[in-house]
Amino acid sequence: MLFQFISYLYSFLINLIDIYRLLLVVYFLMSWLPGAYQSSIGRLLTRICEPYVGFFRRFVPPIGMISLAGLVALFALSFIKMGLAPVFNILVNLLSQLGLL
């Protein structure tokens, strides 16, 4: 029962990261369309994506007119996604050693 919960939690987090990455890509592509951020979808994506990307804008300086913060934000999500598997493996191993699985 606990193993299934951990498995579902892992799958949920992976899917959530994938969906958020897709939203970020759409948000970044909207910068190519004039006035796209002023649309209702643009405002929604700005509220969802800007807090995360804004964190990276504080640390990643733009190169000329190009901001690389979005690219760094996508890479960070990829690293987080890759790091979930080892964390959950450690959790499963620990719980099985404790006899809880």
PDB file of N, CA and C in Angstrom:
ATOM      1  N   MET A   1       0.823  -1.190   0.000  1.00  0.00           N
ATOM      2  CA  MET A   1       0.000   0.000   0.000  1.00  0.00           C
ATOM      3  C   MET A   1       0.871   1.260   0.000  1.00  0.00           C
ATOM      4  N   LEU A   2       1.870   1.304   0.880  1.00  0.00           N
ATOM      5  CA  LEU A   2       2.762   2.459   0.950  1.00  0.00           C
ATOM      6  C   LEU A   2       3.621   2.559  -0.312  1.00  0.00           C
ATOM      7  N   PHE A   3       4.030   1.421  -0.843  1.00  0.00           N
ATOM      8  CA  PHE A   3       4.834   1.415  -2.066  1.00  0.00           C
ATOM      9  C   PHE A   3       4.028   1.993  -3.227  1.00  0.00           C
ATOM     10  N   GLN A   4       2.750   1.656  -3.315  1.00  0.00           N
ATOM     11  CA  GLN A   4       1.901   2.198  -4.374  1.00  0.00           C
ATOM     12  C   GLN A   4       1.771   3.709  -4.233  1.00  0.00           C
ATOM     13  N   PHE A   5       1.604   4.178  -3.011  1.00  0.00           N
ATOM     14  CA  PHE A   5       1.508   5.614  -2.780  1.00  0.00           C
ATOM     15  C   PHE A   5       2.785   6.325  -3.227  1.00  0.00           C
ATOM     16  N   ILE A   6       3.934   5.757  -2.878  1.00  0.00           N
ATOM     17  CA  ILE A   6       5.209   6.355  -3.274  1.00  0.00           C
ATOM     18  C   ILE A   6       5.351   6.343  -4.790  1.00  0.00           C
ATOM     19  N   SER A   7       4.932   5.252  -5.405  1.00  0.00           N
ATOM     20  CA  SER A   7       4.984   5.150  -6.858  1.00  0.00           C
ATOM     21  C   SER A   7       4.076   6.188  -7.516  1.00  0.00           C
ATOM     22  N   TYR A   8       2.863   6.343  -7.002  1.00  0.00           N
ATOM     23  CA  TYR A   8       1.943   7.344  -7.543  1.00  0.00           C
ATOM     24  C   TYR A   8       2.466   8.755  -7.324  1.00  0.00           C
ATOM     25  N   LEU A   9       3.054   9.000  -6.165  1.00  0.00           N
ATOM     26  CA  LEU A   9       3.613  10.312  -5.883  1.00  0.00           C
ATOM     27  C   LEU A   9       4.747  10.633  -6.848  1.00  0.00           C
ATOM     28  N   TYR A  10       5.607   9.669  -7.101  1.00  0.00           N
ATOM     29  CA  TYR A  10       6.704   9.857  -8.052  1.00  0.00           C
ATOM     30  C   TYR A  10       6.157  10.165  -9.444  1.00  0.00           C
ATOM     31  N   SER A  11       5.183   9.374  -9.896  1.00  0.00           N
ATOM     32  CA  SER A  11       4.587   9.599 -11.222  1.00  0.00           C
ATOM     33  C   SER A  11       3.915  10.965 -11.297  1.00  0.00           C
ATOM     34  N   PHE A  12       3.221  11.348 -10.235  1.00  0.00           N
ATOM     35  CA  PHE A  12       2.557  12.642 -10.205  1.00  0.00           C
ATOM     36  C   PHE A  12       3.568  13.772 -10.326  1.00  0.00           C
ATOM     37  N   LEU A  13       4.665  13.697  -9.585  1.00  0.00           N
ATOM     38  CA  LEU A  13       5.677  14.751  -9.636  1.00  0.00           C
ATOM     39  C   LEU A  13       6.347  14.829 -11.005  1.00  0.00           C
ATOM     40  N   ILE A  14       6.620  13.679 -11.607  1.00  0.00           N
ATOM     41  CA  ILE A  14       7.216  13.660 -12.941  1.00  0.00           C
ATOM     42  C   ILE A  14       6.274  14.302 -13.952  1.00  0.00           C
ATOM     43  N   ASN A  15       4.995  13.928 -13.891  1.00  0.00           N
ATOM     44  CA  ASN A  15       4.011  14.511 -14.812  1.00  0.00           C
ATOM     45  C   ASN A  15       3.838  16.003 -14.569  1.00  0.00           C
ATOM     46  N   LEU A  16       3.855  16.418 -13.324  1.00  0.00           N
ATOM     47  CA  LEU A  16       3.728  17.832 -12.994  1.00  0.00           C
ATOM     48  C   LEU A  16       4.904  18.626 -13.560  1.00  0.00           C
ATOM     49  N   ILE A  17       6.093  18.092 -13.444  1.00  0.00           N
ATOM     50  CA  ILE A  17       7.276  18.767 -13.999  1.00  0.00           C
ATOM     51  C   ILE A  17       7.177  18.844 -15.517  1.00  0.00           C
ATOM     52  N   ASP A  18       6.732  17.770 -16.163  1.00  0.00           N
ATOM     53  CA  ASP A  18       6.590  17.782 -17.622  1.00  0.00           C
ATOM     54  C   ASP A  18       5.572  18.823 -18.075  1.00  0.00           C
ATOM     55  N   ILE A  19       4.463  18.912 -17.372  1.00  0.00           N
ATOM     56  CA  ILE A  19       3.438  19.897 -17.725  1.00  0.00           C
ATOM     57  C   ILE A  19       3.982  21.313 -17.523  1.00  0.00           C
ATOM     58  N   TYR A  20       4.689  21.526 -16.434  1.00  0.00           N
ATOM     59  CA  TYR A  20       5.239  22.857 -16.162  1.00  0.00           C
ATOM     60  C   TYR A  20       6.295  23.229 -17.199  1.00  0.00           C
ATOM     61  N   ARG A  21       7.088  22.273 -17.618  1.00  0.00           N
ATOM     62  CA  ARG A  21       8.083  22.540 -18.671  1.00  0.00           C
ATOM     63  C   ARG A  21       7.395  22.947 -19.960  1.00  0.00           C
ATOM     64  N   LEU A  22       6.298  22.276 -20.285  1.00  0.00           N
ATOM     65  CA  LEU A  22       5.542  22.626 -21.489  1.00  0.00           C
ATOM     66  C   LEU A  22       4.971  24.041 -21.368  1.00  0.00           C
ATOM     67  N   LEU A  23       4.435  24.381 -20.201  1.00  0.00           N
ATOM     68  CA  LEU A  23       3.925  25.735 -19.985  1.00  0.00           C
ATOM     69  C   LEU A  23       5.033  26.769 -20.123  1.00  0.00           C
ATOM     70  N   LEU A  24       6.222  26.456 -19.629  1.00  0.00           N
ATOM     71  CA  LEU A  24       7.351  27.376 -19.764  1.00  0.00           C
ATOM     72  C   LEU A  24       7.730  27.584 -21.229  1.00  0.00           C
ATOM     73  N   VAL A  25       7.738  26.517 -22.005  1.00  0.00           N
ATOM     74  CA  VAL A  25       8.081  26.643 -23.422  1.00  0.00           C
ATOM     75  C   VAL A  25       7.053  27.518 -24.136  1.00  0.00           C
ATOM     76  N   VAL A  26       5.779  27.302 -23.861  1.00  0.00           N
ATOM     77  CA  VAL A  26       4.735  28.134 -24.464  1.00  0.00           C
ATOM     78  C   VAL A  26       4.910  29.585 -24.026  1.00  0.00           C
ATOM     79  N   TYR A  27       5.212  29.790 -22.755  1.00  0.00           N
ATOM     80  CA  TYR A  27       5.435  31.140 -22.227  1.00  0.00           C
ATOM     81  C   TYR A  27       6.597  31.823 -22.932  1.00  0.00           C
ATOM     82  N   PHE A  28       7.674  31.096 -23.169  1.00  0.00           N
ATOM     83  CA  PHE A  28       8.833  31.679 -23.847  1.00  0.00           C
ATOM     84  C   PHE A  28       8.536  31.962 -25.316  1.00  0.00           C
ATOM     85  N   LEU A  29       7.796  31.075 -25.954  1.00  0.00           N
ATOM     86  CA  LEU A  29       7.464  31.290 -27.367  1.00  0.00           C
ATOM     87  C   LEU A  29       6.517  32.469 -27.552  1.00  0.00           C
ATOM     88  N   MET A  30       5.747  32.781 -26.533  1.00  0.00           N
ATOM     89  CA  MET A  30       4.835  33.917 -26.622  1.00  0.00           C
ATOM     90  C   MET A  30       5.583  35.238 -26.760  1.00  0.00           C
ATOM     91  N   SER A  31       6.839  35.263 -26.381  1.00  0.00           N
ATOM     92  CA  SER A  31       7.610  36.506 -26.496  1.00  0.00           C
ATOM     93  C   SER A  31       7.840  36.867 -27.968  1.00  0.00           C
ATOM     94  N   TRP A  32       7.689  35.922 -28.863  1.00  0.00           N
ATOM     95  CA  TRP A  32       7.852  36.195 -30.293  1.00  0.00           C
ATOM     96  C   TRP A  32       6.609  36.826 -30.910  1.00  0.00           C
ATOM     97  N   LEU A  33       5.492  36.740 -30.207  1.00  0.00           N
ATOM     98  CA  LEU A  33       4.238  37.265 -30.734  1.00  0.00           C
ATOM     99  C   LEU A  33       3.914  38.591 -30.060  1.00  0.00           C
ATOM    100  N   PRO A  34       3.754  39.654 -30.835  1.00  0.00           N
ATOM    101  CA  PRO A  34       3.453  40.947 -30.218  1.00  0.00           C
ATOM    102  C   PRO A  34       2.093  40.930 -29.516  1.00  0.00           C
ATOM    103  N   GLY A  35       2.063  41.401 -28.296  1.00  0.00           N
ATOM    104  CA  GLY A  35       0.818  41.490 -27.549  1.00  0.00           C
ATOM    105  C   GLY A  35       0.319  40.187 -26.962  1.00  0.00           C
ATOM    106  N   ALA A  36       1.094  39.132 -27.072  1.00  0.00           N
ATOM    107  CA  ALA A  36       0.629  37.826 -26.587  1.00  0.00           C
ATOM    108  C   ALA A  36       0.541  37.797 -25.067  1.00  0.00           C
ATOM    109  N   TYR A  37       1.412  38.521 -24.396  1.00  0.00           N
ATOM    110  CA  TYR A  37       1.382  38.523 -22.936  1.00  0.00           C
ATOM    111  C   TYR A  37       0.178  39.284 -22.391  1.00  0.00           C
ATOM    112  N   GLN A  38      -0.439  40.121 -23.213  1.00  0.00           N
ATOM    113  CA  GLN A  38      -1.605  40.869 -22.763  1.00  0.00           C
ATOM    114  C   GLN A  38      -2.908  40.085 -22.947  1.00  0.00           C
ATOM    115  N   SER A  39      -2.852  38.939 -23.617  1.00  0.00           N
ATOM    116  CA  SER A  39      -4.048  38.116 -23.778  1.00  0.00           C
ATOM    117  C   SER A  39      -4.357  37.418 -22.448  1.00  0.00           C
ATOM    118  N   SER A  40      -5.544  36.818 -22.362  1.00  0.00           N
ATOM    119  CA  SER A  40      -5.915  36.149 -21.108  1.00  0.00           C
ATOM    120  C   SER A  40      -5.002  34.954 -20.835  1.00  0.00           C
ATOM    121  N   ILE A  41      -4.630  34.230 -21.873  1.00  0.00           N
ATOM    122  CA  ILE A  41      -3.713  33.094 -21.705  1.00  0.00           C
ATOM    123  C   ILE A  41      -2.328  33.607 -21.318  1.00  0.00           C
ATOM    124  N   GLY A  42      -1.915  34.703 -21.927  1.00  0.00           N
ATOM    125  CA  GLY A  42      -0.618  35.284 -21.603  1.00  0.00           C
ATOM    126  C   GLY A  42      -0.540  35.747 -20.159  1.00  0.00           C
ATOM    127  N   ARG A  43      -1.610  36.378 -19.677  1.00  0.00           N
ATOM    128  CA  ARG A  43      -1.618  36.821 -18.277  1.00  0.00           C
ATOM    129  C   ARG A  43      -1.599  35.625 -17.326  1.00  0.00           C
ATOM    130  N   LEU A  44      -2.341  34.561 -17.674  1.00  0.00           N
ATOM    131  CA  LEU A  44      -2.355  33.360 -16.844  1.00  0.00           C
ATOM    132  C   LEU A  44      -0.969  32.716 -16.798  1.00  0.00           C
ATOM    133  N   LEU A  45      -0.340  32.574 -17.969  1.00  0.00           N
ATOM    134  CA  LEU A  45       0.998  31.977 -18.013  1.00  0.00           C
ATOM    135  C   LEU A  45       2.019  32.861 -17.293  1.00  0.00           C
ATOM    136  N   THR A  46       1.844  34.160 -17.368  1.00  0.00           N
ATOM    137  CA  THR A  46       2.755  35.054 -16.655  1.00  0.00           C
ATOM    138  C   THR A  46       2.644  34.836 -15.146  1.00  0.00           C
ATOM    139  N   ARG A  47       1.418  34.705 -14.642  1.00  0.00           N
ATOM    140  CA  ARG A  47       1.253  34.458 -13.199  1.00  0.00           C
ATOM    141  C   ARG A  47       1.819  33.108 -12.788  1.00  0.00           C
ATOM    142  N   ILE A  48       1.759  32.119 -13.686  1.00  0.00           N
ATOM    143  CA  ILE A  48       2.242  30.777 -13.351  1.00  0.00           C
ATOM    144  C   ILE A  48       3.761  30.670 -13.501  1.00  0.00           C
ATOM    145  N   CYS A  49       4.294  31.230 -14.578  1.00  0.00           N
ATOM    146  CA  CYS A  49       5.697  30.994 -14.934  1.00  0.00           C
ATOM    147  C   CYS A  49       6.665  32.061 -14.425  1.00  0.00           C
ATOM    148  N   GLU A  50       6.221  33.294 -14.326  1.00  0.00           N
ATOM    149  CA  GLU A  50       7.149  34.374 -14.001  1.00  0.00           C
ATOM    150  C   GLU A  50       7.807  34.259 -12.630  1.00  0.00           C
ATOM    151  N   PRO A  51       7.112  33.794 -11.583  1.00  0.00           N
ATOM    152  CA  PRO A  51       7.832  33.656 -10.299  1.00  0.00           C
ATOM    153  C   PRO A  51       9.024  32.700 -10.384  1.00  0.00           C
ATOM    154  N   TYR A  52       8.872  31.612 -11.125  1.00  0.00           N
ATOM    155  CA  TYR A  52       9.969  30.644 -11.257  1.00  0.00           C
ATOM    156  C   TYR A  52      11.090  31.219 -12.127  1.00  0.00           C
ATOM    157  N   VAL A  53      10.734  31.777 -13.274  1.00  0.00           N
ATOM    158  CA  VAL A  53      11.747  32.315 -14.184  1.00  0.00           C
ATOM    159  C   VAL A  53      12.387  33.560 -13.581  1.00  0.00           C
ATOM    160  N   GLY A  54      11.604  34.350 -12.860  1.00  0.00           N
ATOM    161  CA  GLY A  54      12.140  35.552 -12.224  1.00  0.00           C
ATOM    162  C   GLY A  54      13.243  35.242 -11.232  1.00  0.00           C
ATOM    163  N   PHE A  55      13.141  34.097 -10.571  1.00  0.00           N
ATOM    164  CA  PHE A  55      14.204  33.680  -9.662  1.00  0.00           C
ATOM    165  C   PHE A  55      15.527  33.557 -10.409  1.00  0.00           C
ATOM    166  N   PHE A  56      15.505  32.992 -11.603  1.00  0.00           N
ATOM    167  CA  PHE A  56      16.734  32.812 -12.374  1.00  0.00           C
ATOM    168  C   PHE A  56      17.199  34.118 -13.010  1.00  0.00           C
ATOM    169  N   ARG A  57      16.273  35.028 -13.282  1.00  0.00           N
ATOM    170  CA  ARG A  57      16.661  36.325 -13.846  1.00  0.00           C
ATOM    171  C   ARG A  57      17.516  37.124 -12.874  1.00  0.00           C
ATOM    172  N   ARG A  58      17.376  36.866 -11.584  1.00  0.00           N
ATOM    173  CA  ARG A  58      18.202  37.572 -10.588  1.00  0.00           C
ATOM    174  C   ARG A  58      19.659  37.144 -10.662  1.00  0.00           C
ATOM    175  N   PHE A  59      19.910  35.910 -11.136  1.00  0.00           N
ATOM    176  CA  PHE A  59      21.270  35.360 -11.117  1.00  0.00           C
ATOM    177  C   PHE A  59      21.911  35.234 -12.487  1.00  0.00           C
ATOM    178  N   VAL A  60      21.107  35.157 -13.535  1.00  0.00           N
ATOM    179  CA  VAL A  60      21.638  34.963 -14.892  1.00  0.00           C
ATOM    180  C   VAL A  60      21.505  36.277 -15.651  1.00  0.00           C
ATOM    181  N   PRO A  61      22.622  36.940 -15.913  1.00  0.00           N
ATOM    182  CA  PRO A  61      22.532  38.223 -16.619  1.00  0.00           C
ATOM    183  C   PRO A  61      22.223  38.002 -18.104  1.00  0.00           C
ATOM    184  N   PRO A  62      21.496  38.938 -18.704  1.00  0.00           N
ATOM    185  CA  PRO A  62      21.232  38.814 -20.143  1.00  0.00           C
ATOM    186  C   PRO A  62      22.496  39.072 -20.947  1.00  0.00           C
ATOM    187  N   ILE A  63      22.538  38.473 -22.109  1.00  0.00           N
ATOM    188  CA  ILE A  63      23.644  38.697 -23.050  1.00  0.00           C
ATOM    189  C   ILE A  63      23.083  39.564 -24.170  1.00  0.00           C
ATOM    190  N   GLY A  64      23.414  40.828 -24.131  1.00  0.00           N
ATOM    191  CA  GLY A  64      22.837  41.765 -25.087  1.00  0.00           C
ATOM    192  C   GLY A  64      21.343  41.906 -24.820  1.00  0.00           C
ATOM    193  N   MET A  65      20.541  41.600 -25.816  1.00  0.00           N
ATOM    194  CA  MET A  65      19.086  41.672 -25.689  1.00  0.00           C
ATOM    195  C   MET A  65      18.470  40.315 -25.381  1.00  0.00           C
ATOM    196  N   ILE A  66      19.300  39.292 -25.215  1.00  0.00           N
ATOM    197  CA  ILE A  66      18.807  37.927 -25.035  1.00  0.00           C
ATOM    198  C   ILE A  66      18.986  37.501 -23.580  1.00  0.00           C
ATOM    199  N   SER A  67      17.881  37.075 -22.975  1.00  0.00           N
ATOM    200  CA  SER A  67      17.936  36.572 -21.610  1.00  0.00           C
ATOM    201  C   SER A  67      18.036  35.047 -21.650  1.00  0.00           C
ATOM    202  N   LEU A  68      19.023  34.531 -20.962  1.00  0.00           N
ATOM    203  CA  LEU A  68      19.208  33.082 -20.903  1.00  0.00           C
ATOM    204  C   LEU A  68      18.578  32.476 -19.650  1.00  0.00           C
ATOM    205  N   ALA A  69      17.869  33.287 -18.871  1.00  0.00           N
ATOM    206  CA  ALA A  69      17.265  32.801 -17.629  1.00  0.00           C
ATOM    207  C   ALA A  69      16.246  31.705 -17.904  1.00  0.00           C
ATOM    208  N   GLY A  70      15.489  31.827 -18.978  1.00  0.00           N
ATOM    209  CA  GLY A  70      14.504  30.801 -19.315  1.00  0.00           C
ATOM    210  C   GLY A  70      15.147  29.470 -19.633  1.00  0.00           C
ATOM    211  N   LEU A  71      16.240  29.518 -20.349  1.00  0.00           N
ATOM    212  CA  LEU A  71      16.957  28.284 -20.683  1.00  0.00           C
ATOM    213  C   LEU A  71      17.532  27.637 -19.428  1.00  0.00           C
ATOM    214  N   VAL A  72      18.075  28.443 -18.549  1.00  0.00           N
ATOM    215  CA  VAL A  72      18.606  27.927 -17.289  1.00  0.00           C
ATOM    216  C   VAL A  72      17.471  27.345 -16.446  1.00  0.00           C
ATOM    217  N   ALA A  73      16.310  27.999 -16.458  1.00  0.00           N
ATOM    218  CA  ALA A  73      15.152  27.499 -15.707  1.00  0.00           C
ATOM    219  C   ALA A  73      14.703  26.138 -16.238  1.00  0.00           C
ATOM    220  N   LEU A  74      14.703  25.972 -17.554  1.00  0.00           N
ATOM    221  CA  LEU A  74      14.336  24.668 -18.131  1.00  0.00           C
ATOM    222  C   LEU A  74      15.360  23.594 -17.769  1.00  0.00           C
ATOM    223  N   PHE A  75      16.632  23.935 -17.823  1.00  0.00           N
ATOM    224  CA  PHE A  75      17.665  22.970 -17.434  1.00  0.00           C
ATOM    225  C   PHE A  75      17.529  22.592 -15.962  1.00  0.00           C
ATOM    226  N   ALA A  76      17.219  23.571 -15.117  1.00  0.00           N
ATOM    227  CA  ALA A  76      17.055  23.285 -13.688  1.00  0.00           C
ATOM    228  C   ALA A  76      15.907  22.308 -13.464  1.00  0.00           C
ATOM    229  N   LEU A  77      14.801  22.486 -14.186  1.00  0.00           N
ATOM    230  CA  LEU A  77      13.691  21.538 -14.059  1.00  0.00           C
ATOM    231  C   LEU A  77      14.092  20.152 -14.532  1.00  0.00           C
ATOM    232  N   SER A  78      14.898  20.084 -15.575  1.00  0.00           N
ATOM    233  CA  SER A  78      15.373  18.783 -16.057  1.00  0.00           C
ATOM    234  C   SER A  78      16.239  18.097 -15.008  1.00  0.00           C
ATOM    235  N   PHE A  79      17.098  18.866 -14.354  1.00  0.00           N
ATOM    236  CA  PHE A  79      17.942  18.288 -13.305  1.00  0.00           C
ATOM    237  C   PHE A  79      17.117  17.846 -12.104  1.00  0.00           C
ATOM    238  N   ILE A  80      16.103  18.626 -11.770  1.00  0.00           N
ATOM    239  CA  ILE A  80      15.216  18.233 -10.675  1.00  0.00           C
ATOM    240  C   ILE A  80      14.504  16.933 -11.023  1.00  0.00           C
ATOM    241  N   LYS A  81      14.042  16.837 -12.256  1.00  0.00           N
ATOM    242  CA  LYS A  81      13.350  15.619 -12.695  1.00  0.00           C
ATOM    243  C   LYS A  81      14.279  14.410 -12.633  1.00  0.00           C
ATOM    244  N   MET A  82      15.515  14.596 -13.069  1.00  0.00           N
ATOM    245  CA  MET A  82      16.476  13.493 -13.010  1.00  0.00           C
ATOM    246  C   MET A  82      16.820  13.127 -11.570  1.00  0.00           C
ATOM    247  N   GLY A  83      16.797  14.090 -10.682  1.00  0.00           N
ATOM    248  CA  GLY A  83      17.135  13.836  -9.296  1.00  0.00           C
ATOM    249  C   GLY A  83      16.026  13.166  -8.498  1.00  0.00           C
ATOM    250  N   LEU A  84      14.805  13.183  -9.021  1.00  0.00           N
ATOM    251  CA  LEU A  84      13.703  12.555  -8.296  1.00  0.00           C
ATOM    252  C   LEU A  84      13.863  11.040  -8.196  1.00  0.00           C
ATOM    253  N   ALA A  85      14.328  10.411  -9.255  1.00  0.00           N
ATOM    254  CA  ALA A  85      14.460   8.951  -9.259  1.00  0.00           C
ATOM    255  C   ALA A  85      15.407   8.466  -8.153  1.00  0.00           C
ATOM    256  N   PRO A  86      16.615   9.006  -8.028  1.00  0.00           N
ATOM    257  CA  PRO A  86      17.480   8.549  -6.929  1.00  0.00           C
ATOM    258  C   PRO A  86      16.903   8.828  -5.547  1.00  0.00           C
ATOM    259  N   VAL A  87      16.239   9.964  -5.392  1.00  0.00           N
ATOM    260  CA  VAL A  87      15.650  10.287  -4.088  1.00  0.00           C
ATOM    261  C   VAL A  87      14.569   9.268  -3.736  1.00  0.00           C
ATOM    262  N   PHE A  88      13.722   8.946  -4.687  1.00  0.00           N
ATOM    263  CA  PHE A  88      12.665   7.980  -4.414  1.00  0.00           C
ATOM    264  C   PHE A  88      13.226   6.570  -4.246  1.00  0.00           C
ATOM    265  N   ASN A  89      14.296   6.242  -4.955  1.00  0.00           N
ATOM    266  CA  ASN A  89      14.940   4.934  -4.750  1.00  0.00           C
ATOM    267  C   ASN A  89      15.511   4.826  -3.335  1.00  0.00           C
ATOM    268  N   ILE A  90      16.142   5.888  -2.875  1.00  0.00           N
ATOM    269  CA  ILE A  90      16.667   5.886  -1.505  1.00  0.00           C
ATOM    270  C   ILE A  90      15.530   5.748  -0.507  1.00  0.00           C
ATOM    271  N   LEU A  91      14.436   6.457  -0.752  1.00  0.00           N
ATOM    272  CA  LEU A  91      13.280   6.381   0.132  1.00  0.00           C
ATOM    273  C   LEU A  91      12.702   4.975   0.182  1.00  0.00           C
ATOM    274  N   VAL A  92      12.564   4.347  -0.980  1.00  0.00           N
ATOM    275  CA  VAL A  92      12.031   2.981  -1.036  1.00  0.00           C
ATOM    276  C   VAL A  92      12.974   2.011  -0.323  1.00  0.00           C
ATOM    277  N   ASN A  93      14.279   2.142  -0.555  1.00  0.00           N
ATOM    278  CA  ASN A  93      15.242   1.269   0.105  1.00  0.00           C
ATOM    279  C   ASN A  93      15.229   1.443   1.624  1.00  0.00           C
ATOM    280  N   LEU A  94      15.137   2.685   2.059  1.00  0.00           N
ATOM    281  CA  LEU A  94      15.093   2.959   3.491  1.00  0.00           C
ATOM    282  C   LEU A  94      13.838   2.372   4.127  1.00  0.00           C
ATOM    283  N   LEU A  95      12.711   2.582   3.485  1.00  0.00           N
ATOM    284  CA  LEU A  95      11.457   2.051   4.028  1.00  0.00           C
ATOM    285  C   LEU A  95      11.425   0.523   4.000  1.00  0.00           C
ATOM    286  N   SER A  96      12.030  -0.077   2.986  1.00  0.00           N
ATOM    287  CA  SER A  96      12.045  -1.540   2.939  1.00  0.00           C
ATOM    288  C   SER A  96      12.992  -2.107   4.004  1.00  0.00           C
ATOM    289  N   GLN A  97      14.095  -1.414   4.299  1.00  0.00           N
ATOM    290  CA  GLN A  97      14.994  -1.856   5.361  1.00  0.00           C
ATOM    291  C   GLN A  97      14.348  -1.734   6.746  1.00  0.00           C
ATOM    292  N   LEU A  98      13.476  -0.741   6.868  1.00  0.00           N
ATOM    293  CA  LEU A  98      12.760  -0.562   8.124  1.00  0.00           C
ATOM    294  C   LEU A  98      11.566  -1.519   8.240  1.00  0.00           C
ATOM    295  N   GLY A  99      11.302  -2.250   7.174  1.00  0.00           N
ATOM    296  CA  GLY A  99      10.210  -3.216   7.178  1.00  0.00           C
ATOM    297  C   GLY A  99       8.844  -2.600   6.964  1.00  0.00           C
ATOM    298  N   LEU A 100       8.818  -1.380   6.444  1.00  0.00           N
ATOM    299  CA  LEU A 100       7.547  -0.717   6.220  1.00  0.00           C
ATOM    300  C   LEU A 100       6.962  -1.001   4.849  1.00  0.00           C
ATOM    301  N   LEU A 101       7.733  -1.605   3.968  1.00  0.00           N
ATOM    302  CA  LEU A 101       7.227  -1.960   2.635  1.00  0.00           C
ATOM    303  C   LEU A 101       7.119  -3.458   2.491  1.00  0.00           C
TER     304      LEU A 101
END
